[in-house]
Amino acid sequence: MDLVKMQDAAKKASEVMKLLGHSDRLMILCELKAGEQSVGQLTEKIGISQSLVSQHLARMRYEDVVETRREAQAVFYSLKDGPAAILIDTMYNIFCKDL
């Protein structure tokens, strides 16, 4: 394997793992695994403040992990296909499947 390509791949993997390395973000992503939800719905289910949920979602949107859909004034978030979604699916099956 080419060293430069390997370094690039390691950097990308590290960035995804860093993003997933926060328990609140993991909980948000696990909820989004079940389908799209609003900030209010996520706040109720996860038990953290609405502003904190919004901050995490903004970061994950910037990192291209979640996507949005607007319906009137409401914004719904969903998990975007990609490496983070695959990792969330795997971690869900290991840690949360029987909860």
PDB file of N, CA and C in Angstrom:
ATOM      1  N   MET A   1       0.840  -1.177   0.000  1.00  0.00           N
ATOM      2  CA  MET A   1       0.000   0.000   0.000  1.00  0.00           C
ATOM      3  C   MET A   1       0.890   1.248   0.000  1.00  0.00           C
ATOM      4  N   ASP A   2       0.499   2.236  -0.756  1.00  0.00           N
ATOM      5  CA  ASP A   2       1.201   3.508  -0.854  1.00  0.00           C
ATOM      6  C   ASP A   2       1.152   4.238   0.491  1.00  0.00           C
ATOM      7  N   LEU A   3       2.290   4.699   0.979  1.00  0.00           N
ATOM      8  CA  LEU A   3       2.387   5.340   2.293  1.00  0.00           C
ATOM      9  C   LEU A   3       1.521   6.597   2.382  1.00  0.00           C
ATOM     10  N   VAL A   4       1.529   7.419   1.357  1.00  0.00           N
ATOM     11  CA  VAL A   4       0.737   8.655   1.375  1.00  0.00           C
ATOM     12  C   VAL A   4      -0.753   8.334   1.440  1.00  0.00           C
ATOM     13  N   LYS A   5      -1.184   7.357   0.654  1.00  0.00           N
ATOM     14  CA  LYS A   5      -2.594   6.954   0.689  1.00  0.00           C
ATOM     15  C   LYS A   5      -2.963   6.382   2.049  1.00  0.00           C
ATOM     16  N   MET A   6      -2.045   5.623   2.623  1.00  0.00           N
ATOM     17  CA  MET A   6      -2.288   5.042   3.941  1.00  0.00           C
ATOM     18  C   MET A   6      -2.401   6.143   5.002  1.00  0.00           C
ATOM     19  N   GLN A   7      -1.553   7.153   4.910  1.00  0.00           N
ATOM     20  CA  GLN A   7      -1.613   8.274   5.849  1.00  0.00           C
ATOM     21  C   GLN A   7      -2.928   9.041   5.702  1.00  0.00           C
ATOM     22  N   ASP A   8      -3.361   9.260   4.470  1.00  0.00           N
ATOM     23  CA  ASP A   8      -4.640   9.942   4.231  1.00  0.00           C
ATOM     24  C   ASP A   8      -5.802   9.140   4.800  1.00  0.00           C
ATOM     25  N   ALA A   9      -5.778   7.839   4.577  1.00  0.00           N
ATOM     26  CA  ALA A   9      -6.846   6.975   5.090  1.00  0.00           C
ATOM     27  C   ALA A   9      -6.854   6.978   6.616  1.00  0.00           C
ATOM     28  N   ALA A  10      -5.671   6.940   7.217  1.00  0.00           N
ATOM     29  CA  ALA A  10      -5.574   6.960   8.683  1.00  0.00           C
ATOM     30  C   ALA A  10      -6.092   8.279   9.241  1.00  0.00           C
ATOM     31  N   LYS A  11      -5.804   9.375   8.562  1.00  0.00           N
ATOM     32  CA  LYS A  11      -6.291  10.689   9.005  1.00  0.00           C
ATOM     33  C   LYS A  11      -7.813  10.750   8.942  1.00  0.00           C
ATOM     34  N   LYS A  12      -8.389  10.270   7.838  1.00  0.00           N
ATOM     35  CA  LYS A  12      -9.851  10.258   7.702  1.00  0.00           C
ATOM     36  C   LYS A  12     -10.491   9.380   8.770  1.00  0.00           C
ATOM     37  N   ALA A  13      -9.920   8.215   8.993  1.00  0.00           N
ATOM     38  CA  ALA A  13     -10.452   7.306  10.019  1.00  0.00           C
ATOM     39  C   ALA A  13     -10.369   7.944  11.395  1.00  0.00           C
ATOM     40  N   SER A  14      -9.272   8.612  11.674  1.00  0.00           N
ATOM     41  CA  SER A  14      -9.085   9.281  12.958  1.00  0.00           C
ATOM     42  C   SER A  14     -10.121  10.383  13.161  1.00  0.00           C
ATOM     43  N   GLU A  15     -10.422  11.131  12.109  1.00  0.00           N
ATOM     44  CA  GLU A  15     -11.423  12.203  12.200  1.00  0.00           C
ATOM     45  C   GLU A  15     -12.809  11.644  12.493  1.00  0.00           C
ATOM     46  N   VAL A  16     -13.166  10.550  11.837  1.00  0.00           N
ATOM     47  CA  VAL A  16     -14.471   9.929  12.091  1.00  0.00           C
ATOM     48  C   VAL A  16     -14.533   9.395  13.516  1.00  0.00           C
ATOM     49  N   MET A  17     -13.466   8.738  13.953  1.00  0.00           N
ATOM     50  CA  MET A  17     -13.452   8.181  15.309  1.00  0.00           C
ATOM     51  C   MET A  17     -13.505   9.288  16.361  1.00  0.00           C
ATOM     52  N   LYS A  18     -12.846  10.408  16.092  1.00  0.00           N
ATOM     53  CA  LYS A  18     -12.878  11.538  17.018  1.00  0.00           C
ATOM     54  C   LYS A  18     -14.304  12.081  17.123  1.00  0.00           C
ATOM     55  N   LEU A  19     -14.981  12.182  15.998  1.00  0.00           N
ATOM     56  CA  LEU A  19     -16.363  12.656  15.990  1.00  0.00           C
ATOM     57  C   LEU A  19     -17.265  11.709  16.774  1.00  0.00           C
ATOM     58  N   LEU A  20     -17.036  10.420  16.640  1.00  0.00           N
ATOM     59  CA  LEU A  20     -17.862   9.422  17.323  1.00  0.00           C
ATOM     60  C   LEU A  20     -17.421   9.192  18.767  1.00  0.00           C
ATOM     61  N   GLY A  21     -16.342   9.837  19.181  1.00  0.00           N
ATOM     62  CA  GLY A  21     -15.786   9.615  20.504  1.00  0.00           C
ATOM     63  C   GLY A  21     -16.460  10.382  21.627  1.00  0.00           C
ATOM     64  N   HIS A  22     -17.644  10.895  21.400  1.00  0.00           N
ATOM     65  CA  HIS A  22     -18.379  11.632  22.430  1.00  0.00           C
ATOM     66  C   HIS A  22     -19.696  10.903  22.685  1.00  0.00           C
ATOM     67  N   SER A  23     -19.975  10.595  23.933  1.00  0.00           N
ATOM     68  CA  SER A  23     -21.154   9.772  24.251  1.00  0.00           C
ATOM     69  C   SER A  23     -22.468  10.428  23.827  1.00  0.00           C
ATOM     70  N   ASP A  24     -22.583  11.757  23.950  1.00  0.00           N
ATOM     71  CA  ASP A  24     -23.822  12.422  23.519  1.00  0.00           C
ATOM     72  C   ASP A  24     -24.019  12.287  22.011  1.00  0.00           C
ATOM     73  N   ARG A  25     -22.943  12.457  21.245  1.00  0.00           N
ATOM     74  CA  ARG A  25     -23.061  12.313  19.788  1.00  0.00           C
ATOM     75  C   ARG A  25     -23.400  10.879  19.415  1.00  0.00           C
ATOM     76  N   LEU A  26     -22.829   9.921  20.124  1.00  0.00           N
ATOM     77  CA  LEU A  26     -23.166   8.515  19.859  1.00  0.00           C
ATOM     78  C   LEU A  26     -24.647   8.256  20.121  1.00  0.00           C
ATOM     79  N   MET A  27     -25.167   8.814  21.210  1.00  0.00           N
ATOM     80  CA  MET A  27     -26.587   8.624  21.515  1.00  0.00           C
ATOM     81  C   MET A  27     -27.466   9.267  20.449  1.00  0.00           C
ATOM     82  N   ILE A  28     -27.093  10.455  19.990  1.00  0.00           N
ATOM     83  CA  ILE A  28     -27.847  11.124  18.926  1.00  0.00           C
ATOM     84  C   ILE A  28     -27.835  10.266  17.669  1.00  0.00           C
ATOM     85  N   LEU A  29     -26.671   9.782  17.286  1.00  0.00           N
ATOM     86  CA  LEU A  29     -26.559   8.983  16.066  1.00  0.00           C
ATOM     87  C   LEU A  29     -27.301   7.660  16.180  1.00  0.00           C
ATOM     88  N   CYS A  30     -27.295   7.058  17.356  1.00  0.00           N
ATOM     89  CA  CYS A  30     -28.059   5.820  17.546  1.00  0.00           C
ATOM     90  C   CYS A  30     -29.555   6.081  17.411  1.00  0.00           C
ATOM     91  N   GLU A  31     -30.024   7.226  17.908  1.00  0.00           N
ATOM     92  CA  GLU A  31     -31.436   7.583  17.733  1.00  0.00           C
ATOM     93  C   GLU A  31     -31.745   7.834  16.258  1.00  0.00           C
ATOM     94  N   LEU A  32     -30.824   8.483  15.557  1.00  0.00           N
ATOM     95  CA  LEU A  32     -31.044   8.764  14.135  1.00  0.00           C
ATOM     96  C   LEU A  32     -30.964   7.502  13.287  1.00  0.00           C
ATOM     97  N   LYS A  33     -30.328   6.471  13.807  1.00  0.00           N
ATOM     98  CA  LYS A  33     -30.285   5.184  13.103  1.00  0.00           C
ATOM     99  C   LYS A  33     -31.700   4.660  12.886  1.00  0.00           C
ATOM    100  N   ALA A  34     -32.596   4.968  13.826  1.00  0.00           N
ATOM    101  CA  ALA A  34     -33.984   4.511  13.733  1.00  0.00           C
ATOM    102  C   ALA A  34     -34.802   5.347  12.756  1.00  0.00           C
ATOM    103  N   GLY A  35     -34.301   6.506  12.355  1.00  0.00           N
ATOM    104  CA  GLY A  35     -35.026   7.357  11.422  1.00  0.00           C
ATOM    105  C   GLY A  35     -34.857   8.821  11.768  1.00  0.00           C
ATOM    106  N   GLU A  36     -35.319   9.672  10.871  1.00  0.00           N
ATOM    107  CA  GLU A  36     -35.123  11.107  11.060  1.00  0.00           C
ATOM    108  C   GLU A  36     -35.895  11.631  12.265  1.00  0.00           C
ATOM    109  N   GLN A  37     -35.319  12.658  12.893  1.00  0.00           N
ATOM    110  CA  GLN A  37     -35.933  13.248  14.075  1.00  0.00           C
ATOM    111  C   GLN A  37     -35.575  14.720  14.159  1.00  0.00           C
ATOM    112  N   SER A  38     -36.399  15.467  14.866  1.00  0.00           N
ATOM    113  CA  SER A  38     -36.137  16.886  15.094  1.00  0.00           C
ATOM    114  C   SER A  38     -35.259  17.054  16.326  1.00  0.00           C
ATOM    115  N   VAL A  39     -34.754  18.261  16.522  1.00  0.00           N
ATOM    116  CA  VAL A  39     -33.955  18.564  17.709  1.00  0.00           C
ATOM    117  C   VAL A  39     -34.783  18.320  18.965  1.00  0.00           C
ATOM    118  N   GLY A  40     -36.049  18.736  18.940  1.00  0.00           N
ATOM    119  CA  GLY A  40     -36.924  18.538  20.097  1.00  0.00           C
ATOM    120  C   GLY A  40     -37.108  17.070  20.444  1.00  0.00           C
ATOM    121  N   GLN A  41     -37.310  16.246  19.445  1.00  0.00           N
ATOM    122  CA  GLN A  41     -37.466  14.804  19.680  1.00  0.00           C
ATOM    123  C   GLN A  41     -36.191  14.212  20.270  1.00  0.00           C
ATOM    124  N   LEU A  42     -35.050  14.603  19.726  1.00  0.00           N
ATOM    125  CA  LEU A  42     -33.770  14.095  20.228  1.00  0.00           C
ATOM    126  C   LEU A  42     -33.522  14.562  21.660  1.00  0.00           C
ATOM    127  N   THR A  43     -33.874  15.804  21.953  1.00  0.00           N
ATOM    128  CA  THR A  43     -33.703  16.346  23.304  1.00  0.00           C
ATOM    129  C   THR A  43     -34.488  15.524  24.316  1.00  0.00           C
ATOM    130  N   GLU A  44     -35.731  15.205  23.987  1.00  0.00           N
ATOM    131  CA  GLU A  44     -36.570  14.402  24.888  1.00  0.00           C
ATOM    132  C   GLU A  44     -36.002  13.004  25.094  1.00  0.00           C
ATOM    133  N   LYS A  45     -35.546  12.380  24.030  1.00  0.00           N
ATOM    134  CA  LYS A  45     -35.085  10.994  24.113  1.00  0.00           C
ATOM    135  C   LYS A  45     -33.727  10.853  24.789  1.00  0.00           C
ATOM    136  N   ILE A  46     -32.855  11.836  24.603  1.00  0.00           N
ATOM    137  CA  ILE A  46     -31.487  11.714  25.088  1.00  0.00           C
ATOM    138  C   ILE A  46     -31.301  12.359  26.458  1.00  0.00           C
ATOM    139  N   GLY A  47     -32.110  13.377  26.746  1.00  0.00           N
ATOM    140  CA  GLY A  47     -32.042  13.996  28.064  1.00  0.00           C
ATOM    141  C   GLY A  47     -30.942  15.026  28.238  1.00  0.00           C
ATOM    142  N   ILE A  48     -30.510  15.651  27.155  1.00  0.00           N
ATOM    143  CA  ILE A  48     -29.565  16.765  27.256  1.00  0.00           C
ATOM    144  C   ILE A  48     -30.249  18.006  26.694  1.00  0.00           C
ATOM    145  N   SER A  49     -29.674  19.163  26.939  1.00  0.00           N
ATOM    146  CA  SER A  49     -30.323  20.416  26.548  1.00  0.00           C
ATOM    147  C   SER A  49     -30.454  20.540  25.031  1.00  0.00           C
ATOM    148  N   GLN A  50     -31.455  21.316  24.632  1.00  0.00           N
ATOM    149  CA  GLN A  50     -31.700  21.529  23.211  1.00  0.00           C
ATOM    150  C   GLN A  50     -30.504  22.221  22.554  1.00  0.00           C
ATOM    151  N   SER A  51     -29.890  23.166  23.257  1.00  0.00           N
ATOM    152  CA  SER A  51     -28.741  23.865  22.669  1.00  0.00           C
ATOM    153  C   SER A  51     -27.561  22.914  22.457  1.00  0.00           C
ATOM    154  N   LEU A  52     -27.368  21.989  23.377  1.00  0.00           N
ATOM    155  CA  LEU A  52     -26.281  21.018  23.230  1.00  0.00           C
ATOM    156  C   LEU A  52     -26.556  20.054  22.074  1.00  0.00           C
ATOM    157  N   VAL A  53     -27.794  19.589  21.958  1.00  0.00           N
ATOM    158  CA  VAL A  53     -28.165  18.728  20.822  1.00  0.00           C
ATOM    159  C   VAL A  53     -27.914  19.476  19.515  1.00  0.00           C
ATOM    160  N   SER A  54     -28.332  20.740  19.460  1.00  0.00           N
ATOM    161  CA  SER A  54     -28.139  21.545  18.248  1.00  0.00           C
ATOM    162  C   SER A  54     -26.664  21.714  17.911  1.00  0.00           C
ATOM    163  N   GLN A  55     -25.835  21.929  18.929  1.00  0.00           N
ATOM    164  CA  GLN A  55     -24.395  22.074  18.694  1.00  0.00           C
ATOM    165  C   GLN A  55     -23.793  20.788  18.133  1.00  0.00           C
ATOM    166  N   HIS A  56     -24.170  19.663  18.709  1.00  0.00           N
ATOM    167  CA  HIS A  56     -23.657  18.379  18.212  1.00  0.00           C
ATOM    168  C   HIS A  56     -24.127  18.132  16.778  1.00  0.00           C
ATOM    169  N   LEU A  57     -25.391  18.417  16.503  1.00  0.00           N
ATOM    170  CA  LEU A  57     -25.922  18.215  15.152  1.00  0.00           C
ATOM    171  C   LEU A  57     -25.226  19.130  14.150  1.00  0.00           C
ATOM    172  N   ALA A  58     -24.951  20.363  14.546  1.00  0.00           N
ATOM    173  CA  ALA A  58     -24.250  21.292  13.650  1.00  0.00           C
ATOM    174  C   ALA A  58     -22.861  20.755  13.308  1.00  0.00           C
ATOM    175  N   ARG A  59     -22.167  20.243  14.303  1.00  0.00           N
ATOM    176  CA  ARG A  59     -20.830  19.672  14.051  1.00  0.00           C
ATOM    177  C   ARG A  59     -20.930  18.459  13.133  1.00  0.00           C
ATOM    178  N   MET A  60     -21.910  17.587  13.395  1.00  0.00           N
ATOM    179  CA  MET A  60     -22.047  16.379  12.572  1.00  0.00           C
ATOM    180  C   MET A  60     -22.513  16.717  11.160  1.00  0.00           C
ATOM    181  N   ARG A  61     -23.276  17.785  11.030  1.00  0.00           N
ATOM    182  CA  ARG A  61     -23.685  18.220   9.695  1.00  0.00           C
ATOM    183  C   ARG A  61     -22.472  18.767   8.940  1.00  0.00           C
ATOM    184  N   TYR A  62     -21.652  19.549   9.626  1.00  0.00           N
ATOM    185  CA  TYR A  62     -20.427  20.089   9.034  1.00  0.00           C
ATOM    186  C   TYR A  62     -19.500  18.960   8.585  1.00  0.00           C
ATOM    187  N   GLU A  63     -19.441  17.903   9.384  1.00  0.00           N
ATOM    188  CA  GLU A  63     -18.583  16.752   9.075  1.00  0.00           C
ATOM    189  C   GLU A  63     -19.242  15.793   8.084  1.00  0.00           C
ATOM    190  N   ASP A  64     -20.437  16.140   7.599  1.00  0.00           N
ATOM    191  CA  ASP A  64     -21.150  15.372   6.573  1.00  0.00           C
ATOM    192  C   ASP A  64     -21.614  13.997   7.064  1.00  0.00           C
ATOM    193  N   VAL A  65     -21.980  13.932   8.350  1.00  0.00           N
ATOM    194  CA  VAL A  65     -22.437  12.679   8.946  1.00  0.00           C
ATOM    195  C   VAL A  65     -23.959  12.629   9.014  1.00  0.00           C
ATOM    196  N   VAL A  66     -24.586  13.799   9.166  1.00  0.00           N
ATOM    197  CA  VAL A  66     -26.048  13.871   9.172  1.00  0.00           C
ATOM    198  C   VAL A  66     -26.499  14.816   8.068  1.00  0.00           C
ATOM    199  N   GLU A  67     -27.747  14.644   7.658  1.00  0.00           N
ATOM    200  CA  GLU A  67     -28.339  15.542   6.672  1.00  0.00           C
ATOM    201  C   GLU A  67     -29.668  16.038   7.207  1.00  0.00           C
ATOM    202  N   THR A  68     -30.182  17.104   6.595  1.00  0.00           N
ATOM    203  CA  THR A  68     -31.412  17.714   7.087  1.00  0.00           C
ATOM    204  C   THR A  68     -32.490  17.730   6.017  1.00  0.00           C
ATOM    205  N   ARG A  69     -33.713  17.814   6.528  1.00  0.00           N
ATOM    206  CA  ARG A  69     -34.884  18.014   5.672  1.00  0.00           C
ATOM    207  C   ARG A  69     -35.761  19.021   6.393  1.00  0.00           C
ATOM    208  N   ARG A  70     -36.159  20.051   5.679  1.00  0.00           N
ATOM    209  CA  ARG A  70     -36.988  21.095   6.274  1.00  0.00           C
ATOM    210  C   ARG A  70     -38.452  20.860   5.914  1.00  0.00           C
ATOM    211  N   GLU A  71     -39.300  20.988   6.930  1.00  0.00           N
ATOM    212  CA  GLU A  71     -40.748  20.883   6.734  1.00  0.00           C
ATOM    213  C   GLU A  71     -41.375  22.052   7.475  1.00  0.00           C
ATOM    214  N   ALA A  72     -41.814  23.065   6.727  1.00  0.00           N
ATOM    215  CA  ALA A  72     -42.290  24.328   7.296  1.00  0.00           C
ATOM    216  C   ALA A  72     -41.157  24.914   8.142  1.00  0.00           C
ATOM    217  N   GLN A  73     -41.389  25.101   9.444  1.00  0.00           N
ATOM    218  CA  GLN A  73     -40.334  25.657  10.296  1.00  0.00           C
ATOM    219  C   GLN A  73     -39.500  24.578  10.976  1.00  0.00           C
ATOM    220  N   ALA A  74     -39.925  23.349  10.888  1.00  0.00           N
ATOM    221  CA  ALA A  74     -39.213  22.252  11.555  1.00  0.00           C
ATOM    222  C   ALA A  74     -38.082  21.723  10.669  1.00  0.00           C
ATOM    223  N   VAL A  75     -36.984  21.360  11.318  1.00  0.00           N
ATOM    224  CA  VAL A  75     -35.852  20.747  10.626  1.00  0.00           C
ATOM    225  C   VAL A  75     -35.691  19.340  11.178  1.00  0.00           C
ATOM    226  N   PHE A  76     -35.648  18.370  10.283  1.00  0.00           N
ATOM    227  CA  PHE A  76     -35.483  16.974  10.671  1.00  0.00           C
ATOM    228  C   PHE A  76     -34.099  16.501  10.243  1.00  0.00           C
ATOM    229  N   TYR A  77     -33.454  15.783  11.136  1.00  0.00           N
ATOM    230  CA  TYR A  77     -32.105  15.275  10.899  1.00  0.00           C
ATOM    231  C   TYR A  77     -32.154  13.772  10.665  1.00  0.00           C
ATOM    232  N   SER A  78     -31.262  13.303   9.803  1.00  0.00           N
ATOM    233  CA  SER A  78     -31.142  11.864   9.578  1.00  0.00           C
ATOM    234  C   SER A  78     -29.669  11.514   9.391  1.00  0.00           C
ATOM    235  N   LEU A  79     -29.372  10.267   9.641  1.00  0.00           N
ATOM    236  CA  LEU A  79     -28.013   9.755   9.498  1.00  0.00           C
ATOM    237  C   LEU A  79     -27.716   9.586   8.015  1.00  0.00           C
ATOM    238  N   LYS A  80     -26.609  10.154   7.579  1.00  0.00           N
ATOM    239  CA  LYS A  80     -26.223  10.092   6.176  1.00  0.00           C
ATOM    240  C   LYS A  80     -25.417   8.821   5.919  1.00  0.00           C
ATOM    241  N   ASP A  81     -25.629   8.203   4.773  1.00  0.00           N
ATOM    242  CA  ASP A  81     -24.851   7.022   4.407  1.00  0.00           C
ATOM    243  C   ASP A  81     -23.367   7.383   4.338  1.00  0.00           C
ATOM    244  N   GLY A  82     -22.537   6.469   4.804  1.00  0.00           N
ATOM    245  CA  GLY A  82     -21.100   6.705   4.760  1.00  0.00           C
ATOM    246  C   GLY A  82     -20.397   5.947   5.869  1.00  0.00           C
ATOM    247  N   PRO A  83     -19.102   6.207   6.044  1.00  0.00           N
ATOM    248  CA  PRO A  83     -18.319   5.481   7.049  1.00  0.00           C
ATOM    249  C   PRO A  83     -18.890   5.587   8.463  1.00  0.00           C
ATOM    250  N   ALA A  84     -19.329   6.780   8.865  1.00  0.00           N
ATOM    251  CA  ALA A  84     -19.872   6.941  10.224  1.00  0.00           C
ATOM    252  C   ALA A  84     -21.126   6.101  10.404  1.00  0.00           C
ATOM    253  N   ALA A  85     -21.986   6.048   9.395  1.00  0.00           N
ATOM    254  CA  ALA A  85     -23.216   5.248   9.487  1.00  0.00           C
ATOM    255  C   ALA A  85     -22.889   3.763   9.622  1.00  0.00           C
ATOM    256  N   ILE A  86     -21.883   3.310   8.913  1.00  0.00           N
ATOM    257  CA  ILE A  86     -21.473   1.907   9.004  1.00  0.00           C
ATOM    258  C   ILE A  86     -20.941   1.607  10.401  1.00  0.00           C
ATOM    259  N   LEU A  87     -20.123   2.520  10.940  1.00  0.00           N
ATOM    260  CA  LEU A  87     -19.590   2.331  12.290  1.00  0.00           C
ATOM    261  C   LEU A  87     -20.700   2.364  13.339  1.00  0.00           C
ATOM    262  N   ILE A  88     -21.652   3.281  13.190  1.00  0.00           N
ATOM    263  CA  ILE A  88     -22.780   3.359  14.134  1.00  0.00           C
ATOM    264  C   ILE A  88     -23.573   2.062  14.087  1.00  0.00           C
ATOM    265  N   ASP A  89     -23.814   1.549  12.900  1.00  0.00           N
ATOM    266  CA  ASP A  89     -24.553   0.295  12.754  1.00  0.00           C
ATOM    267  C   ASP A  89     -23.820  -0.846  13.463  1.00  0.00           C
ATOM    268  N   THR A  90     -22.521  -0.911  13.271  1.00  0.00           N
ATOM    269  CA  THR A  90     -21.717  -1.955  13.913  1.00  0.00           C
ATOM    270  C   THR A  90     -21.725  -1.803  15.429  1.00  0.00           C
ATOM    271  N   MET A  91     -21.502  -0.582  15.916  1.00  0.00           N
ATOM    272  CA  MET A  91     -21.490  -0.356  17.369  1.00  0.00           C
ATOM    273  C   MET A  91     -22.861  -0.613  17.983  1.00  0.00           C
ATOM    274  N   TYR A  92     -23.918  -0.248  17.254  1.00  0.00           N
ATOM    275  CA  TYR A  92     -25.274  -0.508  17.740  1.00  0.00           C
ATOM    276  C   TYR A  92     -25.474  -2.014  17.932  1.00  0.00           C
ATOM    277  N   ASN A  93     -25.049  -2.789  16.955  1.00  0.00           N
ATOM    278  CA  ASN A  93     -25.208  -4.247  17.040  1.00  0.00           C
ATOM    279  C   ASN A  93     -24.387  -4.855  18.171  1.00  0.00           C
ATOM    280  N   ILE A  94     -23.253  -4.263  18.481  1.00  0.00           N
ATOM    281  CA  ILE A  94     -22.414  -4.778  19.566  1.00  0.00           C
ATOM    282  C   ILE A  94     -22.925  -4.337  20.934  1.00  0.00           C
ATOM    283  N   PHE A  95     -23.253  -3.054  21.077  1.00  0.00           N
ATOM    284  CA  PHE A  95     -23.521  -2.493  22.399  1.00  0.00           C
ATOM    285  C   PHE A  95     -24.992  -2.261  22.735  1.00  0.00           C
ATOM    286  N   CYS A  96     -25.849  -2.055  21.747  1.00  0.00           N
ATOM    287  CA  CYS A  96     -27.216  -1.597  22.032  1.00  0.00           C
ATOM    288  C   CYS A  96     -28.316  -2.538  21.561  1.00  0.00           C
ATOM    289  N   LYS A  97     -27.961  -3.540  20.839  1.00  0.00           N
ATOM    290  CA  LYS A  97     -28.944  -4.421  20.208  1.00  0.00           C
ATOM    291  C   LYS A  97     -29.968  -4.970  21.197  1.00  0.00           C
ATOM    292  N   ASP A  98     -29.532  -5.343  22.386  1.00  0.00           N
ATOM    293  CA  ASP A  98     -30.422  -5.986  23.348  1.00  0.00           C
ATOM    294  C   ASP A  98     -31.006  -5.026  24.381  1.00  0.00           C
ATOM    295  N   LEU A  99     -30.836  -3.721  24.190  1.00  0.00           N
ATOM    296  CA  LEU A  99     -31.367  -2.747  25.160  1.00  0.00           C
ATOM    297  C   LEU A  99     -32.850  -2.514  24.961  1.00  0.00           C
TER     298      LEU A  99
END
